C-alpha cells in the first residue's frame, strides 16, 4: 500500500496512527515532496470509481485561492488531472492506494471495511 500524506495534516496523522495500530504495512509518500503525476491521478481515479472532484482538497487555501469551485465544472478531466498534478496541496489527503482500492480522506469505518474485512 502507498500512504500519500502531508505530515502537518491532523487527519493524515490520525490515519497513519490507525494503520500502525492495525499492523498494516505501507510505504509513505510526502505529497509535497513527491506530488502525484497526472498519469497516477488518472489511474487512481479510474480505480476508485469516485467522481474526480473527490480528489480535490476543497477546503485548502490553494483550491480557494484559484477559485476552483467556479472553474472545475467547466474543465475537462484531462485539465483536472494536470491541475491536481501541479500542486500536491490541491489533492485531498490522505490517499491510500492498495492493490484493489483507493481511499481518499480518512474515515476509520471505511478504512476498516476496506482493509480489515
PDB file of N, CA and C in Angstrom:
ATOM      1  N   UNK A   1       0.845  -1.185   0.000  1.00  0.00           N
ATOM      2  CA  UNK A   1       0.000   0.000   0.000  1.00  0.00           C
ATOM      3  C   UNK A   1       0.886   1.242   0.000  1.00  0.00           C
ATOM      4  N   UNK A   2       0.397   2.250  -0.657  1.00  0.00           N
ATOM      5  CA  UNK A   2       1.082   3.544  -0.653  1.00  0.00           C
ATOM      6  C   UNK A   2       0.216   4.517   0.132  1.00  0.00           C
ATOM      7  N   UNK A   3       0.815   5.120   1.151  1.00  0.00           N
ATOM      8  CA  UNK A   3       0.134   6.095   2.001  1.00  0.00           C
ATOM      9  C   UNK A   3       0.664   7.470   1.622  1.00  0.00           C
ATOM     10  N   UNK A   4      -0.180   8.261   0.962  1.00  0.00           N
ATOM     11  CA  UNK A   4       0.220   9.588   0.496  1.00  0.00           C
ATOM     12  C   UNK A   4      -0.356  10.610   1.472  1.00  0.00           C
ATOM     13  N   UNK A   5       0.523  11.408   2.049  1.00  0.00           N
ATOM     14  CA  UNK A   5       0.103  12.269   3.153  1.00  0.00           C
ATOM     15  C   UNK A   5       0.895  13.570   3.192  1.00  0.00           C
ATOM     16  N   UNK A   6       0.421  14.465   4.040  1.00  0.00           N
ATOM     17  CA  UNK A   6       1.128  15.701   4.352  1.00  0.00           C
ATOM     18  C   UNK A   6       1.363  15.662   5.854  1.00  0.00           C
ATOM     19  N   UNK A   7       2.626  15.693   6.298  1.00  0.00           N
ATOM     20  CA  UNK A   7       2.952  15.482   7.719  1.00  0.00           C
ATOM     21  C   UNK A   7       2.287  16.449   8.708  1.00  0.00           C
ATOM     22  N   UNK A   8       1.923  17.647   8.282  1.00  0.00           N
ATOM     23  CA  UNK A   8       1.318  18.613   9.202  1.00  0.00           C
ATOM     24  C   UNK A   8      -0.203  18.493   9.254  1.00  0.00           C
ATOM     25  N   UNK A   9      -0.762  17.570   8.481  1.00  0.00           N
ATOM     26  CA  UNK A   9      -2.206  17.377   8.404  1.00  0.00           C
ATOM     27  C   UNK A   9      -2.660  16.450   9.539  1.00  0.00           C
ATOM     28  N   UNK A  10      -3.538  16.952  10.384  1.00  0.00           N
ATOM     29  CA  UNK A  10      -4.034  16.172  11.528  1.00  0.00           C
ATOM     30  C   UNK A  10      -4.738  14.895  11.082  1.00  0.00           C
ATOM     31  N   UNK A  11      -5.522  14.979  10.028  1.00  0.00           N
ATOM     32  CA  UNK A  11      -6.218  13.799   9.520  1.00  0.00           C
ATOM     33  C   UNK A  11      -5.210  12.750   9.056  1.00  0.00           C
ATOM     34  N   UNK A  12      -4.140  13.194   8.413  1.00  0.00           N
ATOM     35  CA  UNK A  12      -3.093  12.274   7.959  1.00  0.00           C
ATOM     36  C   UNK A  12      -2.391  11.611   9.146  1.00  0.00           C
ATOM     37  N   UNK A  13      -2.140  12.386  10.181  1.00  0.00           N
ATOM     38  CA  UNK A  13      -1.503  11.851  11.388  1.00  0.00           C
ATOM     39  C   UNK A  13      -2.385  10.762  11.999  1.00  0.00           C
ATOM     40  N   UNK A  14      -3.690  11.032  12.072  1.00  0.00           N
ATOM     41  CA  UNK A  14      -4.631  10.047  12.619  1.00  0.00           C
ATOM     42  C   UNK A  14      -4.697   8.790  11.752  1.00  0.00           C
ATOM     43  N   UNK A  15      -4.666   8.964  10.448  1.00  0.00           N
ATOM     44  CA  UNK A  15      -4.714   7.821   9.531  1.00  0.00           C
ATOM     45  C   UNK A  15      -3.457   6.968   9.679  1.00  0.00           C
ATOM     46  N   UNK A  16      -2.315   7.609   9.777  1.00  0.00           N
ATOM     47  CA  UNK A  16      -1.038   6.887   9.939  1.00  0.00           C
ATOM     48  C   UNK A  16      -1.044   6.107  11.250  1.00  0.00           C
ATOM     49  N   UNK A  17      -1.531   6.733  12.294  1.00  0.00           N
ATOM     50  CA  UNK A  17      -1.630   6.075  13.596  1.00  0.00           C
ATOM     51  C   UNK A  17      -2.544   4.849  13.496  1.00  0.00           C
ATOM     52  N   UNK A  18      -3.662   4.994  12.789  1.00  0.00           N
ATOM     53  CA  UNK A  18      -4.605   3.887  12.612  1.00  0.00           C
ATOM     54  C   UNK A  18      -3.941   2.726  11.875  1.00  0.00           C
ATOM     55  N   UNK A  19      -3.221   3.044  10.792  1.00  0.00           N
ATOM     56  CA  UNK A  19      -2.517   1.994  10.036  1.00  0.00           C
ATOM     57  C   UNK A  19      -1.524   1.258  10.930  1.00  0.00           C
ATOM     58  N   UNK A  20      -0.756   2.022  11.713  1.00  0.00           N
ATOM     59  CA  UNK A  20       0.241   1.428  12.602  1.00  0.00           C
ATOM     60  C   UNK A  20      -0.413   0.571  13.685  1.00  0.00           C
ATOM     61  N   UNK A  21      -1.484   1.090  14.285  1.00  0.00           N
ATOM     62  CA  UNK A  21      -2.176   0.345  15.344  1.00  0.00           C
ATOM     63  C   UNK A  21      -2.770  -0.965  14.826  1.00  0.00           C
ATOM     64  N   UNK A  22      -3.128  -0.992  13.553  1.00  0.00           N
ATOM     65  CA  UNK A  22      -3.702  -2.193  12.960  1.00  0.00           C
ATOM     66  C   UNK A  22      -2.662  -3.070  12.265  1.00  0.00           C
ATOM     67  N   UNK A  23      -1.396  -2.703  12.433  1.00  0.00           N
ATOM     68  CA  UNK A  23      -0.306  -3.515  11.913  1.00  0.00           C
ATOM     69  C   UNK A  23      -0.292  -3.659  10.395  1.00  0.00           C
ATOM     70  N   UNK A  24      -0.760  -2.632   9.697  1.00  0.00           N
ATOM     71  CA  UNK A  24      -0.820  -2.698   8.236  1.00  0.00           C
ATOM     72  C   UNK A  24       0.441  -2.067   7.638  1.00  0.00           C
ATOM     73  N   UNK A  25       1.152  -2.814   6.809  1.00  0.00           N
ATOM     74  CA  UNK A  25       2.375  -2.272   6.202  1.00  0.00           C
ATOM     75  C   UNK A  25       2.051  -1.317   5.048  1.00  0.00           C
ATOM     76  N   UNK A  26       2.851  -0.283   4.928  1.00  0.00           N
ATOM     77  CA  UNK A  26       2.634   0.705   3.865  1.00  0.00           C
ATOM     78  C   UNK A  26       3.934   1.421   3.555  1.00  0.00           C
ATOM     79  N   UNK A  27       3.957   2.053   2.404  1.00  0.00           N
ATOM     80  CA  UNK A  27       5.075   2.897   2.010  1.00  0.00           C
ATOM     81  C   UNK A  27       4.581   4.331   2.086  1.00  0.00           C
ATOM     82  N   UNK A  28       5.336   5.176   2.785  1.00  0.00           N
ATOM     83  CA  UNK A  28       4.954   6.587   2.926  1.00  0.00           C
ATOM     84  C   UNK A  28       5.397   7.394   1.712  1.00  0.00           C
ATOM     85  N   UNK A  29       4.583   8.385   1.394  1.00  0.00           N
ATOM     86  CA  UNK A  29       4.935   9.308   0.317  1.00  0.00           C
ATOM     87  C   UNK A  29       4.423  10.699   0.686  1.00  0.00           C
ATOM     88  N   UNK A  30       5.348  11.611   0.882  1.00  0.00           N
ATOM     89  CA  UNK A  30       5.042  13.003   1.238  1.00  0.00           C
ATOM     90  C   UNK A  30       4.491  13.707  -0.010  1.00  0.00           C
ATOM     91  N   UNK A  31       3.266  14.197   0.087  1.00  0.00           N
ATOM     92  CA  UNK A  31       2.561  14.735  -1.085  1.00  0.00           C
ATOM     93  C   UNK A  31       3.197  16.000  -1.662  1.00  0.00           C
ATOM     94  N   UNK A  32       3.914  16.762  -0.849  1.00  0.00           N
ATOM     95  CA  UNK A  32       4.559  17.984  -1.359  1.00  0.00           C
ATOM     96  C   UNK A  32       5.909  17.655  -1.993  1.00  0.00           C
ATOM     97  N   UNK A  33       6.606  16.662  -1.430  1.00  0.00           N
ATOM     98  CA  UNK A  33       7.929  16.307  -1.940  1.00  0.00           C
ATOM     99  C   UNK A  33       7.838  15.451  -3.203  1.00  0.00           C
ATOM    100  N   UNK A  34       6.800  14.626  -3.287  1.00  0.00           N
ATOM    101  CA  UNK A  34       6.620  13.766  -4.470  1.00  0.00           C
ATOM    102  C   UNK A  34       5.146  13.797  -4.856  1.00  0.00           C
ATOM    103  N   UNK A  35       4.782  14.905  -5.502  1.00  0.00           N
ATOM    104  CA  UNK A  35       3.403  15.129  -5.917  1.00  0.00           C
ATOM    105  C   UNK A  35       2.961  14.051  -6.907  1.00  0.00           C
ATOM    106  N   UNK A  36       1.730  13.575  -6.776  1.00  0.00           N
ATOM    107  CA  UNK A  36       1.235  12.609  -7.764  1.00  0.00           C
ATOM    108  C   UNK A  36       1.262  13.201  -9.175  1.00  0.00           C
ATOM    109  N   UNK A  37       1.584  12.366 -10.142  1.00  0.00           N
ATOM    110  CA  UNK A  37       1.582  12.802 -11.538  1.00  0.00           C
ATOM    111  C   UNK A  37       0.153  12.739 -12.081  1.00  0.00           C
ATOM    112  N   UNK A  38      -0.062  13.385 -13.212  1.00  0.00           N
ATOM    113  CA  UNK A  38      -1.382  13.337 -13.851  1.00  0.00           C
ATOM    114  C   UNK A  38      -1.739  11.888 -14.202  1.00  0.00           C
ATOM    115  N   UNK A  39      -0.754  11.115 -14.664  1.00  0.00           N
ATOM    116  CA  UNK A  39      -0.999   9.709 -15.024  1.00  0.00           C
ATOM    117  C   UNK A  39      -1.409   8.888 -13.795  1.00  0.00           C
ATOM    118  N   UNK A  40      -0.739   9.133 -12.660  1.00  0.00           N
ATOM    119  CA  UNK A  40      -1.103   8.419 -11.427  1.00  0.00           C
ATOM    120  C   UNK A  40      -2.521   8.782 -10.991  1.00  0.00           C
ATOM    121  N   UNK A  41      -2.821  10.059 -11.004  1.00  0.00           N
ATOM    122  CA  UNK A  41      -4.152  10.505 -10.582  1.00  0.00           C
ATOM    123  C   UNK A  41      -5.225   9.898 -11.481  1.00  0.00           C
ATOM    124  N   UNK A  42      -4.962   9.871 -12.769  1.00  0.00           N
ATOM    125  CA  UNK A  42      -5.917   9.289 -13.715  1.00  0.00           C
ATOM    126  C   UNK A  42      -6.139   7.806 -13.389  1.00  0.00           C
ATOM    127  N   UNK A  43      -5.057   7.080 -13.147  1.00  0.00           N
ATOM    128  CA  UNK A  43      -5.140   5.650 -12.820  1.00  0.00           C
ATOM    129  C   UNK A  43      -5.924   5.439 -11.524  1.00  0.00           C
ATOM    130  N   UNK A  44      -5.623   6.241 -10.509  1.00  0.00           N
ATOM    131  CA  UNK A  44      -6.298   6.106  -9.210  1.00  0.00           C
ATOM    132  C   UNK A  44      -7.766   6.493  -9.321  1.00  0.00           C
ATOM    133  N   UNK A  45      -8.050   7.516 -10.110  1.00  0.00           N
ATOM    134  CA  UNK A  45      -9.430   7.956 -10.307  1.00  0.00           C
ATOM    135  C   UNK A  45     -10.247   6.815 -10.917  1.00  0.00           C
ATOM    136  N   UNK A  46      -9.711   6.202 -11.968  1.00  0.00           N
ATOM    137  CA  UNK A  46     -10.420   5.104 -12.633  1.00  0.00           C
ATOM    138  C   UNK A  46     -10.612   3.928 -11.668  1.00  0.00           C
ATOM    139  N   UNK A  47      -9.579   3.629 -10.886  1.00  0.00           N
ATOM    140  CA  UNK A  47      -9.624   2.513  -9.937  1.00  0.00           C
ATOM    141  C   UNK A  47     -10.624   2.773  -8.814  1.00  0.00           C
ATOM    142  N   UNK A  48     -10.751   4.023  -8.406  1.00  0.00           N
ATOM    143  CA  UNK A  48     -11.598   4.370  -7.258  1.00  0.00           C
ATOM    144  C   UNK A  48     -13.093   4.296  -7.567  1.00  0.00           C
ATOM    145  N   UNK A  49     -13.462   4.605  -8.812  1.00  0.00           N
ATOM    146  CA  UNK A  49     -14.872   4.665  -9.158  1.00  0.00           C
ATOM    147  C   UNK A  49     -15.568   5.905  -8.615  1.00  0.00           C
ATOM    148  N   UNK A  50     -14.800   6.825  -8.057  1.00  0.00           N
ATOM    149  CA  UNK A  50     -15.355   8.054  -7.468  1.00  0.00           C
ATOM    150  C   UNK A  50     -15.332   9.199  -8.475  1.00  0.00           C
ATOM    151  N   UNK A  51     -16.180  10.207  -8.245  1.00  0.00           N
ATOM    152  CA  UNK A  51     -16.099  11.403  -9.103  1.00  0.00           C
ATOM    153  C   UNK A  51     -14.733  12.069  -8.931  1.00  0.00           C
ATOM    154  N   UNK A  52     -14.191  12.615  -9.983  1.00  0.00           N
ATOM    155  CA  UNK A  52     -12.867  13.245  -9.942  1.00  0.00           C
ATOM    156  C   UNK A  52     -12.815  14.392  -8.932  1.00  0.00           C
ATOM    157  N   UNK A  53     -13.927  15.071  -8.734  1.00  0.00           N
ATOM    158  CA  UNK A  53     -13.971  16.176  -7.778  1.00  0.00           C
ATOM    159  C   UNK A  53     -13.559  15.731  -6.370  1.00  0.00           C
ATOM    160  N   UNK A  54     -13.788  14.457  -6.040  1.00  0.00           N
ATOM    161  CA  UNK A  54     -13.431  13.930  -4.713  1.00  0.00           C
ATOM    162  C   UNK A  54     -11.926  13.967  -4.465  1.00  0.00           C
ATOM    163  N   UNK A  55     -11.134  14.061  -5.519  1.00  0.00           N
ATOM    164  CA  UNK A  55      -9.679  14.088  -5.375  1.00  0.00           C
ATOM    165  C   UNK A  55      -9.165  15.485  -5.012  1.00  0.00           C
ATOM    166  N   UNK A  56     -10.023  16.486  -5.071  1.00  0.00           N
ATOM    167  CA  UNK A  56      -9.606  17.851  -4.755  1.00  0.00           C
ATOM    168  C   UNK A  56      -9.769  18.149  -3.270  1.00  0.00           C
ATOM    169  N   UNK A  57      -8.775  18.822  -2.711  1.00  0.00           N
ATOM    170  CA  UNK A  57      -8.818  19.291  -1.335  1.00  0.00           C
ATOM    171  C   UNK A  57      -9.603  20.606  -1.330  1.00  0.00           C
ATOM    172  N   UNK A  58     -10.924  20.487  -1.260  1.00  0.00           N
ATOM    173  CA  UNK A  58     -11.802  21.651  -1.414  1.00  0.00           C
ATOM    174  C   UNK A  58     -11.715  22.635  -0.256  1.00  0.00           C
ATOM    175  N   UNK A  59     -11.132  22.215   0.860  1.00  0.00           N
ATOM    176  CA  UNK A  59     -11.015  23.137   1.995  1.00  0.00           C
ATOM    177  C   UNK A  59      -9.640  23.804   2.041  1.00  0.00           C
ATOM    178  N   UNK A  60      -8.787  23.488   1.081  1.00  0.00           N
ATOM    179  CA  UNK A  60      -7.432  24.033   1.080  1.00  0.00           C
ATOM    180  C   UNK A  60      -7.342  25.453   0.559  1.00  0.00           C
ATOM    181  N   UNK A  61      -6.284  26.133   0.967  1.00  0.00           N
ATOM    182  CA  UNK A  61      -6.051  27.515   0.562  1.00  0.00           C
ATOM    183  C   UNK A  61      -5.809  27.634  -0.937  1.00  0.00           C
ATOM    184  N   UNK A  62      -5.090  26.675  -1.513  1.00  0.00           N
ATOM    185  CA  UNK A  62      -4.781  26.735  -2.945  1.00  0.00           C
ATOM    186  C   UNK A  62      -6.072  26.598  -3.760  1.00  0.00           C
ATOM    187  N   UNK A  63      -6.928  25.662  -3.367  1.00  0.00           N
ATOM    188  CA  UNK A  63      -8.206  25.445  -4.044  1.00  0.00           C
ATOM    189  C   UNK A  63      -9.030  26.729  -4.031  1.00  0.00           C
ATOM    190  N   UNK A  64      -9.129  27.328  -2.852  1.00  0.00           N
ATOM    191  CA  UNK A  64      -9.918  28.559  -2.724  1.00  0.00           C
ATOM    192  C   UNK A  64      -9.266  29.729  -3.450  1.00  0.00           C
ATOM    193  N   UNK A  65      -7.925  29.796  -3.351  1.00  0.00           N
ATOM    194  CA  UNK A  65      -7.184  30.890  -3.996  1.00  0.00           C
ATOM    195  C   UNK A  65      -7.338  30.888  -5.508  1.00  0.00           C
ATOM    196  N   UNK A  66      -7.477  29.695  -6.091  1.00  0.00           N
ATOM    197  CA  UNK A  66      -7.638  29.574  -7.539  1.00  0.00           C
ATOM    198  C   UNK A  66      -9.107  29.634  -7.966  1.00  0.00           C
ATOM    199  N   UNK A  67      -9.993  29.804  -6.987  1.00  0.00           N
ATOM    200  CA  UNK A  67     -11.429  29.881  -7.256  1.00  0.00           C
ATOM    201  C   UNK A  67     -11.924  28.654  -8.035  1.00  0.00           C
ATOM    202  N   UNK A  68     -11.467  27.484  -7.611  1.00  0.00           N
ATOM    203  CA  UNK A  68     -11.780  26.257  -8.353  1.00  0.00           C
ATOM    204  C   UNK A  68     -13.229  25.808  -8.215  1.00  0.00           C
ATOM    205  N   UNK A  69     -13.904  26.260  -7.182  1.00  0.00           N
ATOM    206  CA  UNK A  69     -15.323  25.910  -7.060  1.00  0.00           C
ATOM    207  C   UNK A  69     -16.076  26.367  -8.306  1.00  0.00           C
ATOM    208  N   UNK A  70     -15.685  27.531  -8.809  1.00  0.00           N
ATOM    209  CA  UNK A  70     -16.333  28.089 -10.002  1.00  0.00           C
ATOM    210  C   UNK A  70     -15.777  27.486 -11.293  1.00  0.00           C
ATOM    211  N   UNK A  71     -14.489  27.163 -11.300  1.00  0.00           N
ATOM    212  CA  UNK A  71     -13.820  26.754 -12.538  1.00  0.00           C
ATOM    213  C   UNK A  71     -13.956  25.263 -12.862  1.00  0.00           C
ATOM    214  N   UNK A  72     -13.983  24.396 -11.844  1.00  0.00           N
ATOM    215  CA  UNK A  72     -13.988  22.948 -12.098  1.00  0.00           C
ATOM    216  C   UNK A  72     -15.124  22.462 -13.001  1.00  0.00           C
ATOM    217  N   UNK A  73     -16.358  22.960 -12.826  1.00  0.00           N
ATOM    218  CA  UNK A  73     -17.440  22.452 -13.671  1.00  0.00           C
ATOM    219  C   UNK A  73     -17.204  22.650 -15.173  1.00  0.00           C
ATOM    220  N   UNK A  74     -16.357  23.595 -15.535  1.00  0.00           N
ATOM    221  CA  UNK A  74     -16.094  23.880 -16.951  1.00  0.00           C
ATOM    222  C   UNK A  74     -14.797  23.256 -17.465  1.00  0.00           C
ATOM    223  N   UNK A  75     -14.133  22.468 -16.614  1.00  0.00           N
ATOM    224  CA  UNK A  75     -12.857  21.870 -17.009  1.00  0.00           C
ATOM    225  C   UNK A  75     -13.051  20.434 -17.470  1.00  0.00           C
ATOM    226  N   UNK A  76     -12.186  20.007 -18.390  1.00  0.00           N
ATOM    227  CA  UNK A  76     -12.203  18.612 -18.836  1.00  0.00           C
ATOM    228  C   UNK A  76     -11.484  17.758 -17.779  1.00  0.00           C
ATOM    229  N   UNK A  77     -11.679  16.448 -17.837  1.00  0.00           N
ATOM    230  CA  UNK A  77     -10.974  15.564 -16.907  1.00  0.00           C
ATOM    231  C   UNK A  77      -9.464  15.717 -17.061  1.00  0.00           C
ATOM    232  N   UNK A  78      -8.974  15.801 -18.289  1.00  0.00           N
ATOM    233  CA  UNK A  78      -7.529  15.942 -18.519  1.00  0.00           C
ATOM    234  C   UNK A  78      -6.996  17.219 -17.872  1.00  0.00           C
ATOM    235  N   UNK A  79      -7.751  18.311 -17.982  1.00  0.00           N
ATOM    236  CA  UNK A  79      -7.331  19.570 -17.351  1.00  0.00           C
ATOM    237  C   UNK A  79      -7.297  19.412 -15.826  1.00  0.00           C
ATOM    238  N   UNK A  80      -8.264  18.690 -15.284  1.00  0.00           N
ATOM    239  CA  UNK A  80      -8.287  18.467 -13.832  1.00  0.00           C
ATOM    240  C   UNK A  80      -7.113  17.595 -13.389  1.00  0.00           C
ATOM    241  N   UNK A  81      -6.792  16.553 -14.154  1.00  0.00           N
ATOM    242  CA  UNK A  81      -5.631  15.709 -13.816  1.00  0.00           C
ATOM    243  C   UNK A  81      -4.364  16.557 -13.789  1.00  0.00           C
ATOM    244  N   UNK A  82      -4.187  17.383 -14.807  1.00  0.00           N
ATOM    245  CA  UNK A  82      -2.998  18.239 -14.879  1.00  0.00           C
ATOM    246  C   UNK A  82      -2.960  19.228 -13.720  1.00  0.00           C
ATOM    247  N   UNK A  83      -4.111  19.777 -13.374  1.00  0.00           N
ATOM    248  CA  UNK A  83      -4.184  20.723 -12.267  1.00  0.00           C
ATOM    249  C   UNK A  83      -3.823  20.047 -10.946  1.00  0.00           C
ATOM    250  N   UNK A  84      -4.381  18.872 -10.692  1.00  0.00           N
ATOM    251  CA  UNK A  84      -4.062  18.130  -9.469  1.00  0.00           C
ATOM    252  C   UNK A  84      -2.577  17.798  -9.403  1.00  0.00           C
ATOM    253  N   UNK A  85      -1.990  17.473 -10.547  1.00  0.00           N
ATOM    254  CA  UNK A  85      -0.569  17.124 -10.592  1.00  0.00           C
ATOM    255  C   UNK A  85       0.335  18.339 -10.405  1.00  0.00           C
ATOM    256  N   UNK A  86      -0.212  19.530 -10.556  1.00  0.00           N
ATOM    257  CA  UNK A  86       0.598  20.748 -10.476  1.00  0.00           C
ATOM    258  C   UNK A  86       0.958  21.147  -9.046  1.00  0.00           C
ATOM    259  N   UNK A  87       0.181  20.696  -8.070  1.00  0.00           N
ATOM    260  CA  UNK A  87       0.416  21.104  -6.682  1.00  0.00           C
ATOM    261  C   UNK A  87      -0.206  20.077  -5.737  1.00  0.00           C
ATOM    262  N   UNK A  88       0.633  19.417  -4.945  1.00  0.00           N
ATOM    263  CA  UNK A  88       0.153  18.399  -4.006  1.00  0.00           C
ATOM    264  C   UNK A  88      -0.883  18.915  -3.025  1.00  0.00           C
ATOM    265  N   UNK A  89      -0.867  20.215  -2.763  1.00  0.00           N
ATOM    266  CA  UNK A  89      -1.815  20.769  -1.798  1.00  0.00           C
ATOM    267  C   UNK A  89      -3.233  20.852  -2.367  1.00  0.00           C
ATOM    268  N   UNK A  90      -3.383  20.630  -3.660  1.00  0.00           N
ATOM    269  CA  UNK A  90      -4.715  20.592  -4.263  1.00  0.00           C
ATOM    270  C   UNK A  90      -5.377  19.224  -4.084  1.00  0.00           C
ATOM    271  N   UNK A  91      -4.559  18.215  -3.749  1.00  0.00           N
ATOM    272  CA  UNK A  91      -5.054  16.840  -3.664  1.00  0.00           C
ATOM    273  C   UNK A  91      -5.565  16.539  -2.255  1.00  0.00           C
ATOM    274  N   UNK A  92      -6.766  15.980  -2.190  1.00  0.00           N
ATOM    275  CA  UNK A  92      -7.344  15.572  -0.902  1.00  0.00           C
ATOM    276  C   UNK A  92      -6.444  14.502  -0.300  1.00  0.00           C
ATOM    277  N   UNK A  93      -6.245  14.588   0.985  1.00  0.00           N
ATOM    278  CA  UNK A  93      -5.371  13.637   1.658  1.00  0.00           C
ATOM    279  C   UNK A  93      -5.946  13.230   2.991  1.00  0.00           C
ATOM    280  N   UNK A  94      -5.491  12.133   3.527  1.00  0.00           N
ATOM    281  CA  UNK A  94      -4.531  11.215   2.929  1.00  0.00           C
ATOM    282  C   UNK A  94      -5.162  10.410   1.804  1.00  0.00           C
ATOM    283  N   UNK A  95      -4.296   9.863   0.993  1.00  0.00           N
ATOM    284  CA  UNK A  95      -4.692   8.917  -0.052  1.00  0.00           C
ATOM    285  C   UNK A  95      -4.043   7.585   0.312  1.00  0.00           C
ATOM    286  N   UNK A  96      -4.808   6.530   0.232  1.00  0.00           N
ATOM    287  CA  UNK A  96      -4.244   5.206   0.461  1.00  0.00           C
ATOM    288  C   UNK A  96      -4.536   4.372  -0.777  1.00  0.00           C
ATOM    289  N   UNK A  97      -3.466   3.949  -1.428  1.00  0.00           N
ATOM    290  CA  UNK A  97      -3.594   3.191  -2.664  1.00  0.00           C
ATOM    291  C   UNK A  97      -3.262   1.731  -2.357  1.00  0.00           C
ATOM    292  N   UNK A  98      -4.223   0.848  -2.571  1.00  0.00           N
ATOM    293  CA  UNK A  98      -3.990  -0.577  -2.353  1.00  0.00           C
ATOM    294  C   UNK A  98      -4.085  -1.284  -3.708  1.00  0.00           C
ATOM    295  N   UNK A  99      -3.893  -2.589  -3.690  1.00  0.00           N
ATOM    296  CA  UNK A  99      -3.987  -3.364  -4.939  1.00  0.00           C
ATOM    297  C   UNK A  99      -5.385  -3.240  -5.548  1.00  0.00           C
ATOM    298  N   UNK A 100      -6.398  -3.133  -4.690  1.00  0.00           N
ATOM    299  CA  UNK A 100      -7.775  -3.188  -5.183  1.00  0.00           C
ATOM    300  C   UNK A 100      -8.590  -1.913  -4.975  1.00  0.00           C
ATOM    301  N   UNK A 101      -8.070  -0.970  -4.192  1.00  0.00           N
ATOM    302  CA  UNK A 101      -8.885   0.205  -3.901  1.00  0.00           C
ATOM    303  C   UNK A 101      -8.054   1.478  -3.730  1.00  0.00           C
ATOM    304  N   UNK A 102      -8.773   2.590  -3.738  1.00  0.00           N
ATOM    305  CA  UNK A 102      -8.195   3.908  -3.482  1.00  0.00           C
ATOM    306  C   UNK A 102      -9.074   4.550  -2.420  1.00  0.00           C
ATOM    307  N   UNK A 103      -8.478   4.862  -1.283  1.00  0.00           N
ATOM    308  CA  UNK A 103      -9.216   5.507  -0.200  1.00  0.00           C
ATOM    309  C   UNK A 103      -8.766   6.965  -0.120  1.00  0.00           C
ATOM    310  N   UNK A 104      -9.739   7.870  -0.132  1.00  0.00           N
ATOM    311  CA  UNK A 104      -9.451   9.300  -0.112  1.00  0.00           C
ATOM    312  C   UNK A 104      -9.988   9.872   1.183  1.00  0.00           C
ATOM    313  N   UNK A 105      -9.130  10.616   1.895  1.00  0.00           N
ATOM    314  CA  UNK A 105      -9.531  11.118   3.203  1.00  0.00           C
ATOM    315  C   UNK A 105      -9.477   9.972   4.196  1.00  0.00           C
ATOM    316  N   UNK A 106      -9.721  10.264   5.453  1.00  0.00           N
ATOM    317  CA  UNK A 106      -9.661   9.217   6.470  1.00  0.00           C
ATOM    318  C   UNK A 106     -10.967   9.135   7.231  1.00  0.00           C
ATOM    319  N   UNK A 107     -11.679   8.051   6.983  1.00  0.00           N
ATOM    320  CA  UNK A 107     -12.867   7.710   7.750  1.00  0.00           C
ATOM    321  C   UNK A 107     -12.603   6.308   8.281  1.00  0.00           C
ATOM    322  N   UNK A 108     -12.326   6.179   9.590  1.00  0.00           N
ATOM    323  CA  UNK A 108     -11.937   4.881  10.144  1.00  0.00           C
ATOM    324  C   UNK A 108     -12.862   3.731   9.743  1.00  0.00           C
ATOM    325  N   UNK A 109     -14.170   3.973   9.716  1.00  0.00           N
ATOM    326  CA  UNK A 109     -15.111   2.911   9.368  1.00  0.00           C
ATOM    327  C   UNK A 109     -14.874   2.416   7.936  1.00  0.00           C
ATOM    328  N   UNK A 110     -14.685   3.355   7.002  1.00  0.00           N
ATOM    329  CA  UNK A 110     -14.433   2.986   5.606  1.00  0.00           C
ATOM    330  C   UNK A 110     -13.110   2.234   5.458  1.00  0.00           C
ATOM    331  N   UNK A 111     -12.099   2.692   6.174  1.00  0.00           N
ATOM    332  CA  UNK A 111     -10.796   2.040   6.094  1.00  0.00           C
ATOM    333  C   UNK A 111     -10.874   0.631   6.688  1.00  0.00           C
ATOM    334  N   UNK A 112     -11.611   0.509   7.781  1.00  0.00           N
ATOM    335  CA  UNK A 112     -11.771  -0.802   8.415  1.00  0.00           C
ATOM    336  C   UNK A 112     -12.455  -1.765   7.447  1.00  0.00           C
ATOM    337  N   UNK A 113     -13.522  -1.324   6.809  1.00  0.00           N
ATOM    338  CA  UNK A 113     -14.244  -2.178   5.844  1.00  0.00           C
ATOM    339  C   UNK A 113     -13.346  -2.573   4.678  1.00  0.00           C
ATOM    340  N   UNK A 114     -12.553  -1.629   4.174  1.00  0.00           N
ATOM    341  CA  UNK A 114     -11.719  -1.900   3.006  1.00  0.00           C
ATOM    342  C   UNK A 114     -10.480  -2.732   3.332  1.00  0.00           C
ATOM    343  N   UNK A 115      -9.943  -2.567   4.534  1.00  0.00           N
ATOM    344  CA  UNK A 115      -8.642  -3.152   4.830  1.00  0.00           C
ATOM    345  C   UNK A 115      -8.641  -4.312   5.822  1.00  0.00           C
ATOM    346  N   UNK A 116      -9.659  -4.390   6.673  1.00  0.00           N
ATOM    347  CA  UNK A 116      -9.616  -5.400   7.726  1.00  0.00           C
ATOM    348  C   UNK A 116     -10.625  -6.514   7.548  1.00  0.00           C
ATOM    349  N   UNK A 117     -11.534  -6.377   6.601  1.00  0.00           N
ATOM    350  CA  UNK A 117     -12.564  -7.422   6.418  1.00  0.00           C
ATOM    351  C   UNK A 117     -12.233  -8.315   5.245  1.00  0.00           C
TER     352      UNK A 117
END
